[in-house]
Amino acid sequence: MPLEQVHEQLHLRHPKRSFVQYRLDKPGFITPIGHHLSTAMRYTCLIRSISSAGAVLSINKTLTLPENFYLEIDGIRDEIPCTEFKREGEEMVVHFNMFLDTDFLNLVLGRRPAGQDA
């Protein structure tokens, strides 16, 4: 998968960090930087897979976006600052401007945070 290219580069700089890629297939929203509070500049996408370092998105191939933007995952109010890494047709690989916290990634994946009983 294309996200592995992001992981290869980051693993050299952060050898102790895990870059496990998870299939997500969840709707999301892209907000270009500079239009943070404007809903008129919010675009839909499908988040195909995600890791602590980045994601693979399906977007409209005719959509023109700046290199940097915010990604919001449907149902989660936090926005993730992203930078485009690679784009081919409808598929865009992004890397996050900072690694996702393990608890946040578990929330995105619908898992219980560590230490919580069923």
N, C-alpha and C. Protein backbone atom coordinates (compact mmCIF):
# COMPACT_ATOMS: atom_id res chain seq x y z
N MET A 1 0.84 -1.19 0.00
CA MET A 1 0.00 0.00 0.00
C MET A 1 0.88 1.25 0.00
N PRO A 2 0.37 2.32 -0.54
CA PRO A 2 1.17 3.55 -0.67
C PRO A 2 1.58 4.18 0.66
N LEU A 3 0.82 3.96 1.71
CA LEU A 3 1.17 4.53 3.01
C LEU A 3 2.49 3.96 3.52
N GLU A 4 2.86 2.81 3.03
CA GLU A 4 4.12 2.19 3.44
C GLU A 4 5.32 3.04 3.05
N GLN A 5 5.22 3.83 1.98
CA GLN A 5 6.30 4.72 1.58
C GLN A 5 6.53 5.80 2.64
N VAL A 6 5.45 6.33 3.20
CA VAL A 6 5.56 7.30 4.30
C VAL A 6 6.23 6.63 5.49
N HIS A 7 5.79 5.40 5.80
CA HIS A 7 6.33 4.68 6.95
C HIS A 7 7.82 4.40 6.81
N GLU A 8 8.25 4.04 5.61
CA GLU A 8 9.67 3.74 5.40
C GLU A 8 10.54 4.95 5.73
N GLN A 9 10.12 6.12 5.28
CA GLN A 9 10.89 7.34 5.54
C GLN A 9 10.90 7.68 7.03
N LEU A 10 9.74 7.56 7.67
CA LEU A 10 9.64 7.93 9.08
C LEU A 10 10.33 6.92 10.00
N HIS A 11 10.31 5.65 9.61
CA HIS A 11 10.93 4.62 10.45
C HIS A 11 12.44 4.85 10.62
N LEU A 12 13.07 5.40 9.61
CA LEU A 12 14.50 5.69 9.71
C LEU A 12 14.78 6.74 10.80
N ARG A 13 13.87 7.71 10.94
CA ARG A 13 14.04 8.76 11.94
C ARG A 13 13.48 8.39 13.30
N HIS A 14 12.54 7.44 13.34
CA HIS A 14 11.88 7.04 14.58
C HIS A 14 11.81 5.51 14.66
N PRO A 15 12.95 4.85 14.84
CA PRO A 15 12.99 3.39 14.75
C PRO A 15 12.18 2.65 15.82
N LYS A 16 11.89 3.28 16.95
CA LYS A 16 11.15 2.61 18.02
C LYS A 16 9.63 2.79 17.91
N ARG A 17 9.18 3.61 16.98
CA ARG A 17 7.74 3.89 16.84
C ARG A 17 7.10 2.84 15.92
N SER A 18 5.88 2.45 16.27
CA SER A 18 5.13 1.50 15.46
C SER A 18 4.35 2.25 14.38
N PHE A 19 4.37 1.72 13.17
CA PHE A 19 3.63 2.33 12.07
C PHE A 19 2.67 1.31 11.45
N VAL A 20 1.89 0.67 12.30
CA VAL A 20 0.93 -0.31 11.83
C VAL A 20 -0.18 0.42 11.08
N GLN A 21 -0.53 -0.10 9.92
CA GLN A 21 -1.56 0.50 9.08
C GLN A 21 -2.86 -0.27 9.28
N TYR A 22 -3.96 0.47 9.55
CA TYR A 22 -5.26 -0.14 9.80
C TYR A 22 -6.25 0.26 8.71
N ARG A 23 -7.01 -0.71 8.23
CA ARG A 23 -8.08 -0.44 7.28
C ARG A 23 -9.19 0.28 8.03
N LEU A 24 -9.70 1.38 7.48
CA LEU A 24 -10.71 2.16 8.19
C LEU A 24 -12.01 2.29 7.38
N ASP A 25 -11.92 2.74 6.14
CA ASP A 25 -13.09 2.96 5.28
C ASP A 25 -14.19 3.74 6.01
N LYS A 26 -13.82 4.93 6.44
CA LYS A 26 -14.73 5.80 7.19
C LYS A 26 -14.77 7.17 6.52
N PRO A 27 -15.95 7.82 6.50
CA PRO A 27 -16.01 9.15 5.90
C PRO A 27 -15.21 10.18 6.69
N GLY A 28 -14.73 11.17 5.97
CA GLY A 28 -13.98 12.25 6.60
C GLY A 28 -14.20 13.55 5.85
N PHE A 29 -13.59 14.61 6.37
CA PHE A 29 -13.73 15.93 5.78
C PHE A 29 -12.37 16.60 5.71
N ILE A 30 -12.13 17.29 4.62
CA ILE A 30 -10.89 18.03 4.41
C ILE A 30 -11.22 19.51 4.45
N THR A 31 -10.48 20.25 5.28
CA THR A 31 -10.62 21.70 5.35
C THR A 31 -9.27 22.31 5.03
N PRO A 32 -9.17 23.06 3.94
CA PRO A 32 -7.89 23.70 3.60
C PRO A 32 -7.44 24.66 4.70
N ILE A 33 -6.15 24.72 4.95
CA ILE A 33 -5.59 25.66 5.92
C ILE A 33 -5.94 27.07 5.47
N GLY A 34 -6.34 27.91 6.39
CA GLY A 34 -6.76 29.27 6.06
C GLY A 34 -8.27 29.38 5.97
N HIS A 35 -8.95 28.25 5.85
CA HIS A 35 -10.41 28.22 5.81
C HIS A 35 -10.93 27.39 6.97
N HIS A 36 -10.17 27.38 8.06
CA HIS A 36 -10.42 26.53 9.22
C HIS A 36 -11.85 26.63 9.75
N LEU A 37 -12.42 27.81 9.78
CA LEU A 37 -13.75 27.99 10.34
C LEU A 37 -14.85 28.10 9.29
N SER A 38 -14.51 27.93 8.03
CA SER A 38 -15.48 28.08 6.95
C SER A 38 -15.98 26.71 6.51
N THR A 39 -17.29 26.48 6.66
CA THR A 39 -17.85 25.20 6.20
C THR A 39 -17.99 25.17 4.69
N ALA A 40 -17.95 26.33 4.03
CA ALA A 40 -18.04 26.38 2.57
C ALA A 40 -16.81 25.74 1.92
N MET A 41 -15.70 25.73 2.61
CA MET A 41 -14.45 25.17 2.07
C MET A 41 -14.15 23.81 2.70
N ARG A 42 -15.17 23.02 2.93
CA ARG A 42 -15.01 21.71 3.54
C ARG A 42 -15.40 20.66 2.50
N TYR A 43 -14.52 19.68 2.28
CA TYR A 43 -14.74 18.68 1.24
C TYR A 43 -14.83 17.29 1.87
N THR A 44 -15.64 16.44 1.30
CA THR A 44 -15.76 15.08 1.83
C THR A 44 -14.69 14.18 1.22
N CYS A 45 -14.36 13.14 1.96
CA CYS A 45 -13.41 12.13 1.49
C CYS A 45 -13.75 10.82 2.16
N LEU A 46 -13.10 9.77 1.76
CA LEU A 46 -13.22 8.47 2.40
C LEU A 46 -11.82 8.11 2.89
N ILE A 47 -11.71 7.86 4.19
CA ILE A 47 -10.41 7.50 4.77
C ILE A 47 -10.29 5.98 4.65
N ARG A 48 -9.46 5.54 3.71
CA ARG A 48 -9.30 4.12 3.42
C ARG A 48 -8.51 3.38 4.50
N SER A 49 -7.38 3.96 4.89
CA SER A 49 -6.56 3.35 5.94
C SER A 49 -5.86 4.45 6.70
N ILE A 50 -5.39 4.09 7.91
CA ILE A 50 -4.78 5.09 8.79
C ILE A 50 -3.71 4.42 9.64
N SER A 51 -2.73 5.21 10.04
CA SER A 51 -1.71 4.77 10.98
C SER A 51 -1.42 5.96 11.88
N SER A 52 -0.47 5.82 12.77
CA SER A 52 -0.11 6.95 13.63
C SER A 52 0.60 8.05 12.85
N ALA A 53 1.07 7.74 11.64
CA ALA A 53 1.85 8.68 10.85
C ALA A 53 1.11 9.29 9.67
N GLY A 54 0.06 8.63 9.18
CA GLY A 54 -0.60 9.15 7.99
C GLY A 54 -1.84 8.36 7.62
N ALA A 55 -2.37 8.66 6.43
CA ALA A 55 -3.60 8.01 5.98
C ALA A 55 -3.64 7.96 4.46
N VAL A 56 -4.48 7.06 3.96
CA VAL A 56 -4.79 7.00 2.54
C VAL A 56 -6.23 7.45 2.39
N LEU A 57 -6.45 8.48 1.56
CA LEU A 57 -7.77 9.04 1.36
C LEU A 57 -8.24 8.82 -0.07
N SER A 58 -9.53 8.64 -0.23
CA SER A 58 -10.15 8.66 -1.56
C SER A 58 -10.88 9.99 -1.67
N ILE A 59 -10.53 10.76 -2.70
CA ILE A 59 -11.13 12.07 -2.91
C ILE A 59 -11.49 12.24 -4.37
N ASN A 60 -12.27 13.26 -4.67
CA ASN A 60 -12.60 13.60 -6.04
C ASN A 60 -11.31 13.97 -6.76
N LYS A 61 -11.01 13.29 -7.86
CA LYS A 61 -9.74 13.52 -8.54
C LYS A 61 -9.63 14.89 -9.17
N THR A 62 -10.75 15.58 -9.36
CA THR A 62 -10.70 16.93 -9.94
C THR A 62 -10.55 18.02 -8.87
N LEU A 63 -10.62 17.64 -7.62
CA LEU A 63 -10.52 18.59 -6.51
C LEU A 63 -9.09 19.10 -6.37
N THR A 64 -8.93 20.42 -6.38
CA THR A 64 -7.62 21.03 -6.19
C THR A 64 -7.50 21.45 -4.74
N LEU A 65 -6.48 20.95 -4.06
CA LEU A 65 -6.26 21.24 -2.64
C LEU A 65 -4.87 21.81 -2.44
N PRO A 66 -4.70 22.62 -1.38
CA PRO A 66 -3.35 23.05 -1.04
C PRO A 66 -2.59 21.86 -0.45
N GLU A 67 -1.30 21.99 -0.36
CA GLU A 67 -0.46 20.91 0.17
C GLU A 67 -0.79 20.59 1.63
N ASN A 68 -1.18 21.60 2.41
CA ASN A 68 -1.50 21.42 3.82
C ASN A 68 -2.98 21.67 4.07
N PHE A 69 -3.57 20.82 4.91
CA PHE A 69 -4.98 20.94 5.23
C PHE A 69 -5.27 20.20 6.53
N TYR A 70 -6.51 20.34 7.00
CA TYR A 70 -6.96 19.62 8.19
C TYR A 70 -7.83 18.45 7.75
N LEU A 71 -7.68 17.31 8.43
CA LEU A 71 -8.52 16.14 8.20
C LEU A 71 -9.36 15.91 9.44
N GLU A 72 -10.65 15.78 9.24
CA GLU A 72 -11.56 15.47 10.34
C GLU A 72 -12.21 14.14 10.03
N ILE A 73 -12.23 13.24 11.00
CA ILE A 73 -12.84 11.93 10.83
C ILE A 73 -14.27 12.02 11.32
N ASP A 74 -15.20 11.54 10.51
CA ASP A 74 -16.62 11.62 10.85
C ASP A 74 -16.87 11.03 12.24
N GLY A 75 -17.54 11.80 13.09
CA GLY A 75 -17.85 11.35 14.44
C GLY A 75 -16.82 11.74 15.48
N ILE A 76 -15.70 12.30 15.04
CA ILE A 76 -14.65 12.74 15.97
C ILE A 76 -14.39 14.21 15.69
N ARG A 77 -14.50 15.03 16.70
CA ARG A 77 -14.46 16.48 16.50
C ARG A 77 -13.05 17.05 16.29
N ASP A 78 -12.02 16.32 16.65
CA ASP A 78 -10.65 16.81 16.50
C ASP A 78 -10.24 16.84 15.03
N GLU A 79 -9.48 17.86 14.67
CA GLU A 79 -8.94 17.95 13.32
C GLU A 79 -7.46 17.60 13.35
N ILE A 80 -7.01 16.90 12.33
CA ILE A 80 -5.63 16.45 12.25
C ILE A 80 -4.93 17.26 11.15
N PRO A 81 -3.88 18.02 11.48
CA PRO A 81 -3.14 18.73 10.43
C PRO A 81 -2.37 17.74 9.57
N CYS A 82 -2.51 17.88 8.24
CA CYS A 82 -1.92 16.94 7.29
C CYS A 82 -1.14 17.67 6.20
N THR A 83 -0.26 16.92 5.56
CA THR A 83 0.45 17.38 4.39
C THR A 83 0.35 16.29 3.32
N GLU A 84 0.04 16.70 2.09
CA GLU A 84 -0.05 15.74 1.00
C GLU A 84 1.33 15.15 0.74
N PHE A 85 1.38 13.82 0.60
CA PHE A 85 2.62 13.12 0.32
C PHE A 85 2.66 12.68 -1.15
N LYS A 86 1.54 12.10 -1.60
CA LYS A 86 1.47 11.57 -2.96
C LYS A 86 0.01 11.53 -3.39
N ARG A 87 -0.22 11.78 -4.67
CA ARG A 87 -1.60 11.75 -5.17
C ARG A 87 -1.62 11.13 -6.56
N GLU A 88 -2.49 10.14 -6.73
CA GLU A 88 -2.68 9.48 -8.02
C GLU A 88 -4.16 9.26 -8.22
N GLY A 89 -4.75 9.98 -9.16
CA GLY A 89 -6.18 9.84 -9.43
C GLY A 89 -7.00 10.22 -8.22
N GLU A 90 -7.83 9.28 -7.77
CA GLU A 90 -8.68 9.52 -6.61
C GLU A 90 -8.01 9.18 -5.29
N GLU A 91 -6.80 8.68 -5.31
CA GLU A 91 -6.12 8.27 -4.08
C GLU A 91 -5.07 9.29 -3.67
N MET A 92 -5.13 9.71 -2.41
CA MET A 92 -4.15 10.65 -1.88
C MET A 92 -3.55 10.05 -0.60
N VAL A 93 -2.24 10.05 -0.53
CA VAL A 93 -1.53 9.62 0.67
C VAL A 93 -1.09 10.88 1.40
N VAL A 94 -1.41 10.96 2.69
CA VAL A 94 -1.03 12.13 3.48
C VAL A 94 -0.21 11.67 4.68
N HIS A 95 0.64 12.56 5.15
CA HIS A 95 1.29 12.28 6.43
C HIS A 95 0.81 13.34 7.40
N PHE A 96 0.66 12.92 8.65
CA PHE A 96 0.20 13.82 9.69
C PHE A 96 1.36 14.68 10.14
N ASN A 97 1.07 15.93 10.47
CA ASN A 97 2.12 16.85 10.88
C ASN A 97 2.68 16.53 12.26
N MET A 98 1.99 15.66 12.99
CA MET A 98 2.51 15.08 14.24
C MET A 98 1.87 13.71 14.38
N PHE A 99 2.57 12.80 15.06
CA PHE A 99 2.06 11.44 15.20
C PHE A 99 0.78 11.42 16.03
N LEU A 100 -0.13 10.53 15.67
CA LEU A 100 -1.35 10.36 16.45
C LEU A 100 -1.03 9.62 17.72
N ASP A 101 -1.61 10.07 18.81
CA ASP A 101 -1.50 9.41 20.10
C ASP A 101 -2.20 8.04 20.01
N THR A 102 -1.67 7.05 20.70
CA THR A 102 -2.23 5.70 20.66
C THR A 102 -3.69 5.68 21.09
N ASP A 103 -4.05 6.42 22.15
CA ASP A 103 -5.44 6.46 22.60
C ASP A 103 -6.36 7.08 21.55
N PHE A 104 -5.88 8.12 20.87
CA PHE A 104 -6.68 8.75 19.83
C PHE A 104 -6.86 7.79 18.66
N LEU A 105 -5.80 7.10 18.27
CA LEU A 105 -5.89 6.12 17.18
C LEU A 105 -6.88 5.01 17.55
N ASN A 106 -6.85 4.55 18.79
CA ASN A 106 -7.81 3.54 19.23
C ASN A 106 -9.24 4.06 19.17
N LEU A 107 -9.45 5.34 19.51
CA LEU A 107 -10.76 5.95 19.41
C LEU A 107 -11.24 5.97 17.95
N VAL A 108 -10.35 6.34 17.05
CA VAL A 108 -10.67 6.37 15.62
C VAL A 108 -11.07 4.97 15.14
N LEU A 109 -10.36 3.97 15.62
CA LEU A 109 -10.60 2.59 15.20
C LEU A 109 -11.77 1.94 15.92
N GLY A 110 -12.36 2.66 16.90
CA GLY A 110 -13.50 2.12 17.65
C GLY A 110 -13.10 1.13 18.72
N ARG A 111 -11.87 1.23 19.19
CA ARG A 111 -11.38 0.34 20.25
C ARG A 111 -11.45 1.04 21.59
N ARG A 112 -11.54 0.26 22.64
CA ARG A 112 -11.51 0.83 23.99
C ARG A 112 -10.08 1.24 24.34
N PRO A 113 -9.91 2.40 24.97
CA PRO A 113 -8.57 2.77 25.43
C PRO A 113 -8.04 1.77 26.45
N ALA A 114 -6.75 1.60 26.49
CA ALA A 114 -6.12 0.68 27.44
C ALA A 114 -6.49 1.08 28.86
N GLY A 115 -6.81 0.10 29.70
CA GLY A 115 -7.12 0.38 31.09
C GLY A 115 -8.60 0.50 31.37
N GLN A 116 -9.45 0.50 30.33
CA GLN A 116 -10.88 0.56 30.54
C GLN A 116 -11.45 -0.85 30.49
N ASP A 117 -12.27 -1.18 31.47
CA ASP A 117 -12.90 -2.50 31.51
C ASP A 117 -14.18 -2.49 30.69
N ALA A 118 -14.55 -3.66 30.23
CA ALA A 118 -15.77 -3.79 29.42
C ALA A 118 -17.02 -3.62 30.23
